[in-house]
Amino acid sequence: MGRAAGPMTRTVADAALFMAVLSGADDRDSMNLPPQDIAWDKFDAGVEKLRGLRIGLLLEAGCGLPVDPEIRAAVERAALLFERAGAVVAPMQPFMTQAMLDGMDHFWRMRSHIDMGALRPEAKAKILPYIRQWGESAAGMGGEEVFRAFNQFHLTRLAAVNACRPFDYVISPVSPNMPAGAEEASPTNDPMRPLEHIGFTVPFNMSEQPAASINCGYARSGLPIGMQIAGKRFDDLGVLQVARAFEAVREPQRPRPLPPSESIHHVD
């Protein structure tokens, strides 16, 4: 719970290749479903895929950090490209609440608290202090509090599926914030507010709705901005087709920065 498997690739085509393998059966997963016979090679349905689609535009998560203006503007520009391609884009009201996010957070704290309690002292000492403080904060939770926290997963699932029902697909930011510093444990760097950046992504992980992240623009700093495309349950191929169509209509992509070792030129 709290994790969703998916490939990280440079193109939608590569993601489709990965999904052809990743979507197979796995008996180690007690919740796995019979594998679908999905024609992953049909990922490129053309820009025509967008014509007539009902697209929900979700610009506020309803919880967590506020959306950075640059991120909001980039997703709004992407929405215009969907409209120009023939999709019908409509604003979507937030369906997540801070109570949902906090409940999941508190349940995961208890899980981590129990996991850490099973470690030997020398192993526990190696855990990042941020994580130790986060997990240990669950020490005083009672059974009713943990149950109520766990129930927020179910409420999140119901809210996500119901909110998406009027739409074929939903587009939103992936994250409300630009990347935090590498030395910070989370965007807030506060173990009592650790999940404020996942309000757009966590509901689809919980509802088992497929979602893709694709670059939809650049910040003034030059960093890429991610847009999330979410579909209905079991419409994994449709999400890839919409992502591929957007890949075809978005602005040209900037060259990827090279690692320092590849960008240094030696002069003899």
C-alpha atoms as a PDB file:
ATOM      1  CA  MET A   1       0.000   0.000   0.000  1.00  0.00           C
ATOM      2  CA  GLY A   2       1.368   3.388  -0.950  1.00  0.00           C
ATOM      3  CA  ARG A   3       3.406   2.245  -3.909  1.00  0.00           C
ATOM      4  CA  ALA A   4       2.623   1.859  -7.597  1.00  0.00           C
ATOM      5  CA  ALA A   5       4.943   0.180 -10.089  1.00  0.00           C
ATOM      6  CA  GLY A   6       5.700   1.932 -13.346  1.00  0.00           C
ATOM      7  CA  PRO A   7       8.594   2.579 -15.717  1.00  0.00           C
ATOM      8  CA  MET A   8      10.528   5.830 -16.018  1.00  0.00           C
ATOM      9  CA  THR A   9      11.402   6.420 -19.665  1.00  0.00           C
ATOM     10  CA  ARG A  10      12.296   9.189 -22.080  1.00  0.00           C
ATOM     11  CA  THR A  11       9.438   8.479 -24.482  1.00  0.00           C
ATOM     12  CA  VAL A  12       5.924   7.073 -24.390  1.00  0.00           C
ATOM     13  CA  ALA A  13       7.056   4.381 -26.826  1.00  0.00           C
ATOM     14  CA  ASP A  14       9.628   3.130 -24.329  1.00  0.00           C
ATOM     15  CA  ALA A  15       7.015   3.192 -21.567  1.00  0.00           C
ATOM     16  CA  ALA A  16       4.776   0.962 -23.709  1.00  0.00           C
ATOM     17  CA  LEU A  17       7.631  -1.513 -24.183  1.00  0.00           C
ATOM     18  CA  PHE A  18       8.200  -1.647 -20.434  1.00  0.00           C
ATOM     19  CA  MET A  19       4.487  -2.066 -19.709  1.00  0.00           C
ATOM     20  CA  ALA A  20       4.322  -5.098 -21.995  1.00  0.00           C
ATOM     21  CA  VAL A  21       6.563  -6.850 -19.453  1.00  0.00           C
ATOM     22  CA  LEU A  22       5.539  -5.105 -16.228  1.00  0.00           C
ATOM     23  CA  SER A  23       1.838  -5.858 -16.680  1.00  0.00           C
ATOM     24  CA  GLY A  24       2.330  -9.608 -16.571  1.00  0.00           C
ATOM     25  CA  ALA A  25       1.146 -11.841 -13.744  1.00  0.00           C
ATOM     26  CA  ASP A  26       3.066 -11.860 -10.468  1.00  0.00           C
ATOM     27  CA  ASP A  27       2.097 -14.505  -7.934  1.00  0.00           C
ATOM     28  CA  ARG A  28       4.049 -12.675  -5.227  1.00  0.00           C
ATOM     29  CA  ASP A  29       1.365  -9.971  -5.273  1.00  0.00           C
ATOM     30  CA  SER A  30      -1.593 -11.165  -3.209  1.00  0.00           C
ATOM     31  CA  MET A  31      -3.811  -8.532  -4.845  1.00  0.00           C
ATOM     32  CA  ASN A  32      -2.848  -9.213  -8.457  1.00  0.00           C
ATOM     33  CA  LEU A  33      -5.609  -9.561 -11.044  1.00  0.00           C
ATOM     34  CA  PRO A  34      -5.583 -11.873 -14.062  1.00  0.00           C
ATOM     35  CA  PRO A  35      -3.397 -10.160 -16.658  1.00  0.00           C
ATOM     36  CA  GLN A  36      -5.233  -8.318 -19.407  1.00  0.00           C
ATOM     37  CA  ASP A  37      -4.483  -8.984 -23.045  1.00  0.00           C
ATOM     38  CA  ILE A  38      -3.465  -5.399 -23.834  1.00  0.00           C
ATOM     39  CA  ALA A  39      -2.153  -4.405 -27.264  1.00  0.00           C
ATOM     40  CA  TRP A  40       0.653  -2.229 -25.946  1.00  0.00           C
ATOM     41  CA  ASP A  41       2.011  -1.832 -29.483  1.00  0.00           C
ATOM     42  CA  LYS A  42      -1.127   0.229 -30.242  1.00  0.00           C
ATOM     43  CA  PHE A  43       0.062   3.037 -27.940  1.00  0.00           C
ATOM     44  CA  ASP A  44       0.274   5.496 -30.853  1.00  0.00           C
ATOM     45  CA  ALA A  45      -3.343   6.157 -31.786  1.00  0.00           C
ATOM     46  CA  GLY A  46      -2.486   9.552 -33.277  1.00  0.00           C
ATOM     47  CA  VAL A  47      -3.574  13.008 -32.240  1.00  0.00           C
ATOM     48  CA  GLU A  48      -7.061  11.944 -33.351  1.00  0.00           C
ATOM     49  CA  LYS A  49      -7.275  10.129 -30.017  1.00  0.00           C
ATOM     50  CA  LEU A  50      -7.882  13.503 -28.346  1.00  0.00           C
ATOM     51  CA  ARG A  51     -10.828  14.550 -30.507  1.00  0.00           C
ATOM     52  CA  GLY A  52     -14.054  14.558 -28.525  1.00  0.00           C
ATOM     53  CA  LEU A  53     -12.509  13.393 -25.265  1.00  0.00           C
ATOM     54  CA  ARG A  54     -13.883  14.830 -22.029  1.00  0.00           C
ATOM     55  CA  ILE A  55     -10.862  16.073 -20.077  1.00  0.00           C
ATOM     56  CA  GLY A  56     -11.058  17.172 -16.456  1.00  0.00           C
ATOM     57  CA  LEU A  57      -8.617  19.944 -15.550  1.00  0.00           C
ATOM     58  CA  LEU A  58      -7.599  19.607 -11.894  1.00  0.00           C
ATOM     59  CA  LEU A  59      -5.503  22.565 -10.772  1.00  0.00           C
ATOM     60  CA  GLU A  60      -5.982  22.337  -7.004  1.00  0.00           C
ATOM     61  CA  ALA A  61      -5.380  19.140  -5.060  1.00  0.00           C
ATOM     62  CA  GLY A  62      -7.579  20.130  -2.127  1.00  0.00           C
ATOM     63  CA  CYS A  63      -4.803  19.435   0.363  1.00  0.00           C
ATOM     64  CA  GLY A  64      -1.105  19.926   0.874  1.00  0.00           C
ATOM     65  CA  LEU A  65       1.092  22.603  -0.627  1.00  0.00           C
ATOM     66  CA  PRO A  66      -0.330  25.347  -2.862  1.00  0.00           C
ATOM     67  CA  VAL A  67       0.436  25.011  -6.547  1.00  0.00           C
ATOM     68  CA  ASP A  68       3.433  26.971  -7.768  1.00  0.00           C
ATOM     69  CA  PRO A  69       2.266  29.606 -10.309  1.00  0.00           C
ATOM     70  CA  GLU A  70       4.741  28.374 -12.938  1.00  0.00           C
ATOM     71  CA  ILE A  71       3.415  24.830 -12.629  1.00  0.00           C
ATOM     72  CA  ARG A  72      -0.199  25.970 -12.841  1.00  0.00           C
ATOM     73  CA  ALA A  73       0.525  28.076 -15.930  1.00  0.00           C
ATOM     74  CA  ALA A  74       2.287  25.169 -17.664  1.00  0.00           C
ATOM     75  CA  VAL A  75      -0.634  22.795 -17.090  1.00  0.00           C
ATOM     76  CA  GLU A  76      -3.102  25.452 -18.258  1.00  0.00           C
ATOM     77  CA  ARG A  77      -1.089  25.869 -21.473  1.00  0.00           C
ATOM     78  CA  ALA A  78      -1.184  22.111 -21.936  1.00  0.00           C
ATOM     79  CA  ALA A  79      -4.969  22.174 -21.519  1.00  0.00           C
ATOM     80  CA  LEU A  80      -5.184  24.628 -24.414  1.00  0.00           C
ATOM     81  CA  LEU A  81      -3.286  22.161 -26.604  1.00  0.00           C
ATOM     82  CA  PHE A  82      -5.829  19.485 -25.724  1.00  0.00           C
ATOM     83  CA  GLU A  83      -8.645  21.849 -26.710  1.00  0.00           C
ATOM     84  CA  ARG A  84      -6.979  22.756 -29.999  1.00  0.00           C
ATOM     85  CA  ALA A  85      -6.728  19.036 -30.763  1.00  0.00           C
ATOM     86  CA  GLY A  86     -10.496  18.671 -30.305  1.00  0.00           C
ATOM     87  CA  ALA A  87     -10.865  17.632 -26.676  1.00  0.00           C
ATOM     88  CA  VAL A  88     -13.459  19.199 -24.395  1.00  0.00           C
ATOM     89  CA  VAL A  89     -11.655  20.472 -21.285  1.00  0.00           C
ATOM     90  CA  ALA A  90     -13.668  21.350 -18.183  1.00  0.00           C
ATOM     91  CA  PRO A  91     -12.546  22.533 -14.733  1.00  0.00           C
ATOM     92  CA  MET A  92     -12.587  19.851 -12.077  1.00  0.00           C
ATOM     93  CA  GLN A  93     -13.198  20.554  -8.416  1.00  0.00           C
ATOM     94  CA  PRO A  94     -10.730  19.200  -5.836  1.00  0.00           C
ATOM     95  CA  PHE A  95     -11.865  15.963  -4.213  1.00  0.00           C
ATOM     96  CA  MET A  96      -9.015  15.254  -1.796  1.00  0.00           C
ATOM     97  CA  THR A  97      -9.110  16.668   1.729  1.00  0.00           C
ATOM     98  CA  GLN A  98      -6.425  17.352   4.274  1.00  0.00           C
ATOM     99  CA  ALA A  99      -8.085  14.734   6.507  1.00  0.00           C
ATOM    100  CA  MET A 100      -7.540  12.096   3.806  1.00  0.00           C
ATOM    101  CA  LEU A 101      -3.905  13.013   3.387  1.00  0.00           C
ATOM    102  CA  ASP A 102      -3.279  13.191   7.131  1.00  0.00           C
ATOM    103  CA  GLY A 103      -5.008   9.860   7.718  1.00  0.00           C
ATOM    104  CA  MET A 104      -2.781   8.078   5.220  1.00  0.00           C
ATOM    105  CA  ASP A 105       0.231   9.818   6.710  1.00  0.00           C
ATOM    106  CA  HIS A 106      -0.672   8.699  10.245  1.00  0.00           C
ATOM    107  CA  PHE A 107      -1.234   5.099   9.171  1.00  0.00           C
ATOM    108  CA  TRP A 108       2.128   5.006   7.395  1.00  0.00           C
ATOM    109  CA  ARG A 109       3.755   6.496  10.510  1.00  0.00           C
ATOM    110  CA  MET A 110       2.438   3.599  12.584  1.00  0.00           C
ATOM    111  CA  ARG A 111       3.627   1.077  10.027  1.00  0.00           C
ATOM    112  CA  SER A 112       7.100   2.616  10.079  1.00  0.00           C
ATOM    113  CA  HIS A 113       7.042   2.815  13.879  1.00  0.00           C
ATOM    114  CA  ILE A 114       6.371  -0.929  14.060  1.00  0.00           C
ATOM    115  CA  ASP A 115       9.029  -1.681  11.432  1.00  0.00           C
ATOM    116  CA  MET A 116      11.620   0.379  13.273  1.00  0.00           C
ATOM    117  CA  GLY A 117      10.720  -1.296  16.564  1.00  0.00           C
ATOM    118  CA  ALA A 118      11.762  -4.633  15.062  1.00  0.00           C
ATOM    119  CA  LEU A 119      15.267  -3.381  14.205  1.00  0.00           C
ATOM    120  CA  ARG A 120      18.370  -3.845  16.265  1.00  0.00           C
ATOM    121  CA  PRO A 121      19.629  -0.606  17.845  1.00  0.00           C
ATOM    122  CA  GLU A 122      22.652  -0.412  15.522  1.00  0.00           C
ATOM    123  CA  ALA A 123      20.398  -0.715  12.479  1.00  0.00           C
ATOM    124  CA  LYS A 124      17.864   1.790  13.765  1.00  0.00           C
ATOM    125  CA  ALA A 125      20.682   4.284  14.383  1.00  0.00           C
ATOM    126  CA  LYS A 126      21.364   4.341  10.627  1.00  0.00           C
ATOM    127  CA  ILE A 127      17.868   5.599   9.790  1.00  0.00           C
ATOM    128  CA  LEU A 128      17.619   9.229   8.740  1.00  0.00           C
ATOM    129  CA  PRO A 129      16.674  11.297  11.833  1.00  0.00           C
ATOM    130  CA  TYR A 130      13.784  12.803   9.853  1.00  0.00           C
ATOM    131  CA  ILE A 131      12.319   9.328   9.292  1.00  0.00           C
ATOM    132  CA  ARG A 132      12.899   8.258  12.892  1.00  0.00           C
ATOM    133  CA  GLN A 133      11.092  11.336  14.192  1.00  0.00           C
ATOM    134  CA  TRP A 134       8.258  10.788  11.745  1.00  0.00           C
ATOM    135  CA  GLY A 135       7.749   7.131  12.673  1.00  0.00           C
ATOM    136  CA  GLU A 136       8.234   7.567  16.401  1.00  0.00           C
ATOM    137  CA  SER A 137       5.495  10.221  16.450  1.00  0.00           C
ATOM    138  CA  ALA A 138       2.995   7.347  16.124  1.00  0.00           C
ATOM    139  CA  ALA A 139       4.012   5.806  19.449  1.00  0.00           C
ATOM    140  CA  GLY A 140       1.030   7.292  21.285  1.00  0.00           C
ATOM    141  CA  MET A 141      -1.659   6.372  18.731  1.00  0.00           C
ATOM    142  CA  GLY A 142      -4.471   4.147  19.951  1.00  0.00           C
ATOM    143  CA  GLY A 143      -6.352   1.492  18.027  1.00  0.00           C
ATOM    144  CA  GLU A 144      -9.311   3.724  17.172  1.00  0.00           C
ATOM    145  CA  GLU A 145      -7.027   6.458  15.852  1.00  0.00           C
ATOM    146  CA  VAL A 146      -5.141   3.978  13.652  1.00  0.00           C
ATOM    147  CA  PHE A 147      -8.430   2.547  12.330  1.00  0.00           C
ATOM    148  CA  ARG A 148      -9.765   5.990  11.483  1.00  0.00           C
ATOM    149  CA  ALA A 149      -6.484   6.788   9.747  1.00  0.00           C
ATOM    150  CA  PHE A 150      -6.667   3.566   7.735  1.00  0.00           C
ATOM    151  CA  ASN A 151     -10.242   4.327   6.680  1.00  0.00           C
ATOM    152  CA  GLN A 152      -9.014   7.412   4.828  1.00  0.00           C
ATOM    153  CA  PHE A 153      -7.550   5.099   2.156  1.00  0.00           C
ATOM    154  CA  HIS A 154     -11.054   3.816   1.413  1.00  0.00           C
ATOM    155  CA  LEU A 155     -12.549   7.304   1.445  1.00  0.00           C
ATOM    156  CA  THR A 156      -9.812   8.522  -0.906  1.00  0.00           C
ATOM    157  CA  ARG A 157     -10.506   5.662  -3.294  1.00  0.00           C
ATOM    158  CA  LEU A 158     -14.231   6.411  -3.393  1.00  0.00           C
ATOM    159  CA  ALA A 159     -13.668  10.140  -3.851  1.00  0.00           C
ATOM    160  CA  ALA A 160     -11.184   9.671  -6.698  1.00  0.00           C
ATOM    161  CA  VAL A 161     -13.333   7.262  -8.703  1.00  0.00           C
ATOM    162  CA  ASN A 162     -16.489   9.338  -8.236  1.00  0.00           C
ATOM    163  CA  ALA A 163     -14.808  12.640  -9.092  1.00  0.00           C
ATOM    164  CA  CYS A 164     -13.373  11.207 -12.318  1.00  0.00           C
ATOM    165  CA  ARG A 165     -16.621   9.592 -13.438  1.00  0.00           C
ATOM    166  CA  PRO A 166     -17.769  12.499 -15.698  1.00  0.00           C
ATOM    167  CA  PHE A 167     -14.461  12.542 -17.569  1.00  0.00           C
ATOM    168  CA  ASP A 168     -12.549  10.253 -19.895  1.00  0.00           C
ATOM    169  CA  TYR A 169      -9.224  11.504 -18.531  1.00  0.00           C
ATOM    170  CA  VAL A 170      -7.996  13.984 -15.949  1.00  0.00           C
ATOM    171  CA  ILE A 171      -4.957  16.235 -16.319  1.00  0.00           C
ATOM    172  CA  SER A 172      -3.248  17.937 -13.400  1.00  0.00           C
ATOM    173  CA  PRO A 173       0.161  18.862 -12.070  1.00  0.00           C
ATOM    174  CA  VAL A 174       2.237  15.916 -10.906  1.00  0.00           C
ATOM    175  CA  SER A 175       3.553  17.915  -7.980  1.00  0.00           C
ATOM    176  CA  PRO A 176       2.442  21.302  -6.654  1.00  0.00           C
ATOM    177  CA  ASN A 177       6.017  22.421  -6.049  1.00  0.00           C
ATOM    178  CA  MET A 178       9.264  22.677  -7.943  1.00  0.00           C
ATOM    179  CA  PRO A 179      11.888  20.193  -6.716  1.00  0.00           C
ATOM    180  CA  ALA A 180      13.167  20.689  -3.184  1.00  0.00           C
ATOM    181  CA  GLY A 181      16.862  20.775  -2.442  1.00  0.00           C
ATOM    182  CA  ALA A 182      18.610  17.405  -2.565  1.00  0.00           C
ATOM    183  CA  GLU A 183      19.719  17.855   1.039  1.00  0.00           C
ATOM    184  CA  GLU A 184      16.099  18.144   2.238  1.00  0.00           C
ATOM    185  CA  ALA A 185      14.156  15.021   3.230  1.00  0.00           C
ATOM    186  CA  SER A 186      10.881  16.363   1.796  1.00  0.00           C
ATOM    187  CA  PRO A 187       9.647  19.607   0.213  1.00  0.00           C
ATOM    188  CA  THR A 188       8.555  20.921   3.610  1.00  0.00           C
ATOM    189  CA  ASN A 189      11.587  19.376   5.363  1.00  0.00           C
ATOM    190  CA  ASP A 190       9.218  18.924   8.301  1.00  0.00           C
ATOM    191  CA  PRO A 191       8.599  15.342   9.529  1.00  0.00           C
ATOM    192  CA  MET A 192       5.228  16.436  10.904  1.00  0.00           C
ATOM    193  CA  ARG A 193       4.177  17.595   7.409  1.00  0.00           C
ATOM    194  CA  PRO A 194       5.929  15.023   5.217  1.00  0.00           C
ATOM    195  CA  LEU A 195       3.396  14.340   2.455  1.00  0.00           C
ATOM    196  CA  GLU A 196       2.254  17.817   1.470  1.00  0.00           C
ATOM    197  CA  HIS A 197       3.557  17.306  -2.082  1.00  0.00           C
ATOM    198  CA  ILE A 198       1.596  14.152  -3.074  1.00  0.00           C
ATOM    199  CA  GLY A 199      -1.968  15.495  -3.154  1.00  0.00           C
ATOM    200  CA  PHE A 200      -2.274  15.091  -6.932  1.00  0.00           C
ATOM    201  CA  THR A 201      -0.714  11.634  -7.240  1.00  0.00           C
ATOM    202  CA  VAL A 202      -1.711   9.671  -4.143  1.00  0.00           C
ATOM    203  CA  PRO A 203      -5.461   9.456  -4.918  1.00  0.00           C
ATOM    204  CA  PHE A 204      -4.785   7.579  -8.149  1.00  0.00           C
ATOM    205  CA  ASN A 205      -2.359   5.220  -6.447  1.00  0.00           C
ATOM    206  CA  MET A 206      -5.101   4.431  -3.934  1.00  0.00           C
ATOM    207  CA  SER A 207      -7.914   4.101  -6.492  1.00  0.00           C
ATOM    208  CA  GLU A 208      -5.834   1.948  -8.857  1.00  0.00           C
ATOM    209  CA  GLN A 209      -6.442   4.350 -11.724  1.00  0.00           C
ATOM    210  CA  PRO A 210      -3.587   4.398 -14.241  1.00  0.00           C
ATOM    211  CA  ALA A 211      -1.707   7.677 -14.503  1.00  0.00           C
ATOM    212  CA  ALA A 212       1.252   8.926 -16.503  1.00  0.00           C
ATOM    213  CA  SER A 213       3.591  11.850 -15.957  1.00  0.00           C
ATOM    214  CA  ILE A 214       4.835  13.777 -18.971  1.00  0.00           C
ATOM    215  CA  ASN A 215       6.756  17.011 -19.399  1.00  0.00           C
ATOM    216  CA  CYS A 216       4.438  19.894 -20.294  1.00  0.00           C
ATOM    217  CA  GLY A 217       6.797  22.873 -20.116  1.00  0.00           C
ATOM    218  CA  TYR A 218       9.723  24.472 -18.373  1.00  0.00           C
ATOM    219  CA  ALA A 219      10.177  26.742 -15.390  1.00  0.00           C
ATOM    220  CA  ARG A 220      12.227  29.924 -15.625  1.00  0.00           C
ATOM    221  CA  SER A 221      15.053  27.949 -14.024  1.00  0.00           C
ATOM    222  CA  GLY A 222      15.013  25.553 -16.967  1.00  0.00           C
ATOM    223  CA  LEU A 223      13.645  22.611 -14.982  1.00  0.00           C
ATOM    224  CA  PRO A 224      10.920  20.550 -16.676  1.00  0.00           C
ATOM    225  CA  ILE A 225       7.366  20.616 -15.300  1.00  0.00           C
ATOM    226  CA  GLY A 226       5.384  17.395 -15.086  1.00  0.00           C
ATOM    227  CA  MET A 227       1.731  16.996 -16.030  1.00  0.00           C
ATOM    228  CA  GLN A 228      -0.238  13.980 -14.833  1.00  0.00           C
ATOM    229  CA  ILE A 229      -2.690  12.207 -17.142  1.00  0.00           C
ATOM    230  CA  ALA A 230      -5.031   9.877 -15.235  1.00  0.00           C
ATOM    231  CA  GLY A 231      -7.624   7.524 -16.679  1.00  0.00           C
ATOM    232  CA  LYS A 232     -10.314   5.197 -15.443  1.00  0.00           C
ATOM    233  CA  ARG A 233      -9.431   1.879 -13.851  1.00  0.00           C
ATOM    234  CA  PHE A 234      -7.976  -0.643 -16.331  1.00  0.00           C
ATOM    235  CA  ASP A 235      -7.555   1.973 -19.085  1.00  0.00           C
ATOM    236  CA  ASP A 236      -3.768   1.805 -18.986  1.00  0.00           C
ATOM    237  CA  LEU A 237      -3.444   1.713 -22.767  1.00  0.00           C
ATOM    238  CA  GLY A 238      -5.756   4.715 -23.141  1.00  0.00           C
ATOM    239  CA  VAL A 239      -3.581   6.743 -20.769  1.00  0.00           C
ATOM    240  CA  LEU A 240      -0.502   5.907 -22.848  1.00  0.00           C
ATOM    241  CA  GLN A 241      -2.362   6.840 -26.047  1.00  0.00           C
ATOM    242  CA  VAL A 242      -3.340  10.223 -24.621  1.00  0.00           C
ATOM    243  CA  ALA A 243       0.224  10.763 -23.392  1.00  0.00           C
ATOM    244  CA  ARG A 244       1.558   9.883 -26.861  1.00  0.00           C
ATOM    245  CA  ALA A 245      -0.904  12.289 -28.507  1.00  0.00           C
ATOM    246  CA  PHE A 246       0.193  15.064 -26.154  1.00  0.00           C
ATOM    247  CA  GLU A 247       3.812  14.193 -26.879  1.00  0.00           C
ATOM    248  CA  ALA A 248       3.047  14.926 -30.535  1.00  0.00           C
ATOM    249  CA  VAL A 249       1.440  18.355 -29.967  1.00  0.00           C
ATOM    250  CA  ARG A 250       3.550  19.810 -27.135  1.00  0.00           C
ATOM    251  CA  GLU A 251       6.368  22.285 -27.675  1.00  0.00           C
ATOM    252  CA  PRO A 252       9.757  20.962 -28.822  1.00  0.00           C
ATOM    253  CA  GLN A 253      11.731  19.444 -25.984  1.00  0.00           C
ATOM    254  CA  ARG A 254      14.966  21.034 -24.872  1.00  0.00           C
ATOM    255  CA  PRO A 255      18.197  19.024 -24.946  1.00  0.00           C
ATOM    256  CA  ARG A 256      18.720  17.017 -21.797  1.00  0.00           C
ATOM    257  CA  PRO A 257      21.633  18.205 -19.679  1.00  0.00           C
ATOM    258  CA  LEU A 258      24.664  15.955 -19.782  1.00  0.00           C
ATOM    259  CA  PRO A 259      26.427  14.636 -16.682  1.00  0.00           C
ATOM    260  CA  PRO A 260      29.567  16.661 -15.881  1.00  0.00           C
ATOM    261  CA  SER A 261      31.823  13.864 -17.120  1.00  0.00           C
ATOM    262  CA  GLU A 262      30.178  13.989 -20.557  1.00  0.00           C
ATOM    263  CA  SER A 263      30.064  17.767 -20.891  1.00  0.00           C
ATOM    264  CA  ILE A 264      33.779  18.406 -20.276  1.00  0.00           C
ATOM    265  CA  HIS A 265      35.861  18.748 -23.405  1.00  0.00           C
ATOM    266  CA  HIS A 266      39.597  18.220 -23.169  1.00  0.00           C
ATOM    267  CA  VAL A 267      41.912  20.322 -25.266  1.00  0.00           C
ATOM    268  CA  ASP A 268      45.217  18.726 -26.292  1.00  0.00           C
END
